[in-house]
Each structure stands twice: as structure tokens, then as C-alpha cells.
Amino acid sequence: MLQVSGPAMGKDFFDREKEVEEIVQSLGKDNVLLVAPRRYGKTSVMGTV
């Protein structure tokens, strides 16, 4: 069952590999600003980075 009250971690975090890789590559060169509406997974993505 998926948790909907907090960040998705571990096996519940999926289908964002491309975004995570782009952020990791960008962090080596510059600052990163992650902007999206509420409940889009910003915290989950940054927790994985």
C-alpha cells in the first residue's frame, strides 16, 4: 500500500530516475530550484537525491 501522508521513500519511490539524475548532474555545476504545485513529489525527489 502506498503512503500518501509523507514523502515516498525506498520501494514507494519510482519512475523519477531521469529527474533525479538531472538534479544530481546539475548540483555539481550550479544551484537547483525545484518548483511544482503541492503534492507533486518535490520532497520525495530531494530525499532521494
PDB file of N, CA and C in Angstrom:
ATOM      1  N   MET A   1       0.843  -1.176   0.000  1.00  0.00           N
ATOM      2  CA  MET A   1       0.000   0.000   0.000  1.00  0.00           C
ATOM      3  C   MET A   1       0.894   1.247   0.000  1.00  0.00           C
ATOM      4  N   LEU A   2       0.550   2.232  -0.805  1.00  0.00           N
ATOM      5  CA  LEU A   2       1.312   3.466  -0.875  1.00  0.00           C
ATOM      6  C   LEU A   2       0.941   4.403   0.261  1.00  0.00           C
ATOM      7  N   GLN A   3       1.959   5.044   0.810  1.00  0.00           N
ATOM      8  CA  GLN A   3       1.745   6.040   1.854  1.00  0.00           C
ATOM      9  C   GLN A   3       1.441   7.379   1.185  1.00  0.00           C
ATOM     10  N   VAL A   4       0.388   8.039   1.593  1.00  0.00           N
ATOM     11  CA  VAL A   4       0.018   9.311   0.963  1.00  0.00           C
ATOM     12  C   VAL A   4       0.193  10.500   1.899  1.00  0.00           C
ATOM     13  N   SER A   5       0.684  10.279   3.101  1.00  0.00           N
ATOM     14  CA  SER A   5       0.791  11.370   4.061  1.00  0.00           C
ATOM     15  C   SER A   5       2.203  11.913   4.214  1.00  0.00           C
ATOM     16  N   GLY A   6       3.167  11.326   3.537  1.00  0.00           N
ATOM     17  CA  GLY A   6       4.546  11.783   3.668  1.00  0.00           C
ATOM     18  C   GLY A   6       5.336  11.480   2.415  1.00  0.00           C
ATOM     19  N   PRO A   7       6.633  11.799   2.436  1.00  0.00           N
ATOM     20  CA  PRO A   7       7.471  11.551   1.259  1.00  0.00           C
ATOM     21  C   PRO A   7       7.552  10.060   0.917  1.00  0.00           C
ATOM     22  N   ALA A   8       7.603   9.773  -0.371  1.00  0.00           N
ATOM     23  CA  ALA A   8       7.770   8.390  -0.829  1.00  0.00           C
ATOM     24  C   ALA A   8       9.251   8.049  -0.779  1.00  0.00           C
ATOM     25  N   MET A   9       9.594   6.982  -0.111  1.00  0.00           N
ATOM     26  CA  MET A   9      10.983   6.549   0.002  1.00  0.00           C
ATOM     27  C   MET A   9      11.078   5.057  -0.303  1.00  0.00           C
ATOM     28  N   GLY A  10      12.275   4.621  -0.616  1.00  0.00           N
ATOM     29  CA  GLY A  10      12.500   3.208  -0.872  1.00  0.00           C
ATOM     30  C   GLY A  10      11.702   2.696  -2.047  1.00  0.00           C
ATOM     31  N   LYS A  11      11.030   1.557  -1.851  1.00  0.00           N
ATOM     32  CA  LYS A  11      10.285   0.927  -2.946  1.00  0.00           C
ATOM     33  C   LYS A  11       9.058   1.732  -3.372  1.00  0.00           C
ATOM     34  N   ASP A  12       8.621   2.674  -2.536  1.00  0.00           N
ATOM     35  CA  ASP A  12       7.472   3.511  -2.895  1.00  0.00           C
ATOM     36  C   ASP A  12       7.856   4.674  -3.808  1.00  0.00           C
ATOM     37  N   PHE A  13       9.157   4.916  -3.958  1.00  0.00           N
ATOM     38  CA  PHE A  13       9.632   5.986  -4.841  1.00  0.00           C
ATOM     39  C   PHE A  13      10.051   5.349  -6.159  1.00  0.00           C
ATOM     40  N   PHE A  14       9.340   5.666  -7.237  1.00  0.00           N
ATOM     41  CA  PHE A  14       9.650   5.048  -8.527  1.00  0.00           C
ATOM     42  C   PHE A  14       9.287   5.982  -9.668  1.00  0.00           C
ATOM     43  N   ASP A  15       9.823   5.700 -10.844  1.00  0.00           N
ATOM     44  CA  ASP A  15       9.527   6.414 -12.087  1.00  0.00           C
ATOM     45  C   ASP A  15      10.000   7.870 -12.075  1.00  0.00           C
ATOM     46  N   ARG A  16      11.076   8.150 -11.328  1.00  0.00           N
ATOM     47  CA  ARG A  16      11.644   9.505 -11.302  1.00  0.00           C
ATOM     48  C   ARG A  16      13.158   9.465 -11.502  1.00  0.00           C
ATOM     49  N   GLU A  17      13.668   8.365 -12.045  1.00  0.00           N
ATOM     50  CA  GLU A  17      15.109   8.209 -12.200  1.00  0.00           C
ATOM     51  C   GLU A  17      15.716   9.313 -13.062  1.00  0.00           C
ATOM     52  N   LYS A  18      15.035   9.680 -14.133  1.00  0.00           N
ATOM     53  CA  LYS A  18      15.538  10.721 -15.033  1.00  0.00           C
ATOM     54  C   LYS A  18      15.668  12.051 -14.297  1.00  0.00           C
ATOM     55  N   GLU A  19      14.641  12.416 -13.545  1.00  0.00           N
ATOM     56  CA  GLU A  19      14.654  13.679 -12.815  1.00  0.00           C
ATOM     57  C   GLU A  19      15.765  13.701 -11.773  1.00  0.00           C
ATOM     58  N   VAL A  20      15.915  12.597 -11.037  1.00  0.00           N
ATOM     59  CA  VAL A  20      16.958  12.517 -10.013  1.00  0.00           C
ATOM     60  C   VAL A  20      18.335  12.656 -10.653  1.00  0.00           C
ATOM     61  N   GLU A  21      18.577  11.969 -11.751  1.00  0.00           N
ATOM     62  CA  GLU A  21      19.874  12.041 -12.435  1.00  0.00           C
ATOM     63  C   GLU A  21      20.162  13.461 -12.918  1.00  0.00           C
ATOM     64  N   GLU A  22      19.176  14.135 -13.479  1.00  0.00           N
ATOM     65  CA  GLU A  22      19.370  15.516 -13.947  1.00  0.00           C
ATOM     66  C   GLU A  22      19.710  16.449 -12.791  1.00  0.00           C
ATOM     67  N   ILE A  23      19.064  16.266 -11.658  1.00  0.00           N
ATOM     68  CA  ILE A  23      19.345  17.106 -10.493  1.00  0.00           C
ATOM     69  C   ILE A  23      20.755  16.847  -9.983  1.00  0.00           C
ATOM     70  N   VAL A  24      21.132  15.585  -9.871  1.00  0.00           N
ATOM     71  CA  VAL A  24      22.470  15.238  -9.386  1.00  0.00           C
ATOM     72  C   VAL A  24      23.539  15.835 -10.293  1.00  0.00           C
ATOM     73  N   GLN A  25      23.362  15.728 -11.601  1.00  0.00           N
ATOM     74  CA  GLN A  25      24.331  16.303 -12.536  1.00  0.00           C
ATOM     75  C   GLN A  25      24.382  17.821 -12.419  1.00  0.00           C
ATOM     76  N   SER A  26      23.251  18.460 -12.258  1.00  0.00           N
ATOM     77  CA  SER A  26      23.193  19.921 -12.157  1.00  0.00           C
ATOM     78  C   SER A  26      23.812  20.426 -10.862  1.00  0.00           C
ATOM     79  N   LEU A  27      23.676  19.678  -9.777  1.00  0.00           N
ATOM     80  CA  LEU A  27      24.211  20.113  -8.492  1.00  0.00           C
ATOM     81  C   LEU A  27      25.730  20.242  -8.517  1.00  0.00           C
ATOM     82  N   GLY A  28      26.388  19.487  -9.378  1.00  0.00           N
ATOM     83  CA  GLY A  28      27.835  19.588  -9.491  1.00  0.00           C
ATOM     84  C   GLY A  28      28.284  20.869 -10.168  1.00  0.00           C
ATOM     85  N   LYS A  29      27.380  21.545 -10.846  1.00  0.00           N
ATOM     86  CA  LYS A  29      27.725  22.731 -11.624  1.00  0.00           C
ATOM     87  C   LYS A  29      27.104  24.005 -11.084  1.00  0.00           C
ATOM     88  N   ASP A  30      25.914  23.913 -10.511  1.00  0.00           N
ATOM     89  CA  ASP A  30      25.153  25.113 -10.183  1.00  0.00           C
ATOM     90  C   ASP A  30      24.133  24.802  -9.097  1.00  0.00           C
ATOM     91  N   ASN A  31      23.392  25.809  -8.712  1.00  0.00           N
ATOM     92  CA  ASN A  31      22.273  25.626  -7.786  1.00  0.00           C
ATOM     93  C   ASN A  31      21.078  25.049  -8.534  1.00  0.00           C
ATOM     94  N   VAL A  32      20.183  24.418  -7.785  1.00  0.00           N
ATOM     95  CA  VAL A  32      18.982  23.831  -8.376  1.00  0.00           C
ATOM     96  C   VAL A  32      17.764  24.353  -7.626  1.00  0.00           C
ATOM     97  N   LEU A  33      16.757  24.768  -8.369  1.00  0.00           N
ATOM     98  CA  LEU A  33      15.478  25.184  -7.800  1.00  0.00           C
ATOM     99  C   LEU A  33      14.420  24.218  -8.315  1.00  0.00           C
ATOM    100  N   LEU A  34      13.785  23.524  -7.409  1.00  0.00           N
ATOM    101  CA  LEU A  34      12.753  22.553  -7.771  1.00  0.00           C
ATOM    102  C   LEU A  34      11.391  23.168  -7.445  1.00  0.00           C
ATOM    103  N   VAL A  35      10.611  23.454  -8.480  1.00  0.00           N
ATOM    104  CA  VAL A  35       9.326  24.131  -8.314  1.00  0.00           C
ATOM    105  C   VAL A  35       8.223  23.269  -8.915  1.00  0.00           C
ATOM    106  N   ALA A  36       7.164  23.072  -8.151  1.00  0.00           N
ATOM    107  CA  ALA A  36       5.994  22.329  -8.627  1.00  0.00           C
ATOM    108  C   ALA A  36       4.849  22.602  -7.657  1.00  0.00           C
ATOM    109  N   PRO A  37       3.629  22.359  -8.099  1.00  0.00           N
ATOM    110  CA  PRO A  37       2.489  22.521  -7.187  1.00  0.00           C
ATOM    111  C   PRO A  37       2.566  21.539  -6.017  1.00  0.00           C
ATOM    112  N   ARG A  38       1.713  21.758  -5.046  1.00  0.00           N
ATOM    113  CA  ARG A  38       1.632  20.856  -3.893  1.00  0.00           C
ATOM    114  C   ARG A  38       1.402  19.416  -4.341  1.00  0.00           C
ATOM    115  N   ARG A  39       1.992  18.477  -3.585  1.00  0.00           N
ATOM    116  CA  ARG A  39       1.759  17.036  -3.742  1.00  0.00           C
ATOM    117  C   ARG A  39       2.298  16.468  -5.048  1.00  0.00           C
ATOM    118  N   TYR A  40       3.284  17.115  -5.663  1.00  0.00           N
ATOM    119  CA  TYR A  40       3.882  16.600  -6.887  1.00  0.00           C
ATOM    120  C   TYR A  40       5.113  15.746  -6.628  1.00  0.00           C
ATOM    121  N   GLY A  41       5.582  15.663  -5.388  1.00  0.00           N
ATOM    122  CA  GLY A  41       6.705  14.793  -5.072  1.00  0.00           C
ATOM    123  C   GLY A  41       8.043  15.496  -4.934  1.00  0.00           C
ATOM    124  N   LYS A  42       8.043  16.794  -4.699  1.00  0.00           N
ATOM    125  CA  LYS A  42       9.300  17.539  -4.561  1.00  0.00           C
ATOM    126  C   LYS A  42      10.138  17.000  -3.404  1.00  0.00           C
ATOM    127  N   THR A  43       9.530  16.794  -2.261  1.00  0.00           N
ATOM    128  CA  THR A  43      10.250  16.296  -1.095  1.00  0.00           C
ATOM    129  C   THR A  43      10.764  14.888  -1.339  1.00  0.00           C
ATOM    130  N   SER A  44       9.986  14.062  -1.991  1.00  0.00           N
ATOM    131  CA  SER A  44      10.418  12.696  -2.297  1.00  0.00           C
ATOM    132  C   SER A  44      11.618  12.699  -3.229  1.00  0.00           C
ATOM    133  N   VAL A  45      11.596  13.551  -4.242  1.00  0.00           N
ATOM    134  CA  VAL A  45      12.723  13.638  -5.175  1.00  0.00           C
ATOM    135  C   VAL A  45      13.972  14.103  -4.436  1.00  0.00           C
ATOM    136  N   MET A  46      13.861  15.164  -3.651  1.00  0.00           N
ATOM    137  CA  MET A  46      15.034  15.687  -2.955  1.00  0.00           C
ATOM    138  C   MET A  46      15.527  14.726  -1.882  1.00  0.00           C
ATOM    139  N   GLY A  47      14.639  13.972  -1.278  1.00  0.00           N
ATOM    140  CA  GLY A  47      15.057  12.962  -0.307  1.00  0.00           C
ATOM    141  C   GLY A  47      15.855  11.846  -0.948  1.00  0.00           C
ATOM    142  N   THR A  48      15.590  11.576  -2.207  1.00  0.00           N
ATOM    143  CA  THR A  48      16.316  10.542  -2.942  1.00  0.00           C
ATOM    144  C   THR A  48      17.664  11.049  -3.426  1.00  0.00           C
ATOM    145  N   VAL A  49      17.708  12.348  -3.770  1.00  0.00           N
ATOM    146  CA  VAL A  49      18.967  12.955  -4.233  1.00  0.00           C
ATOM    147  C   VAL A  49      19.950  12.925  -3.089  1.00  0.00           C
TER     148      VAL A  49
END
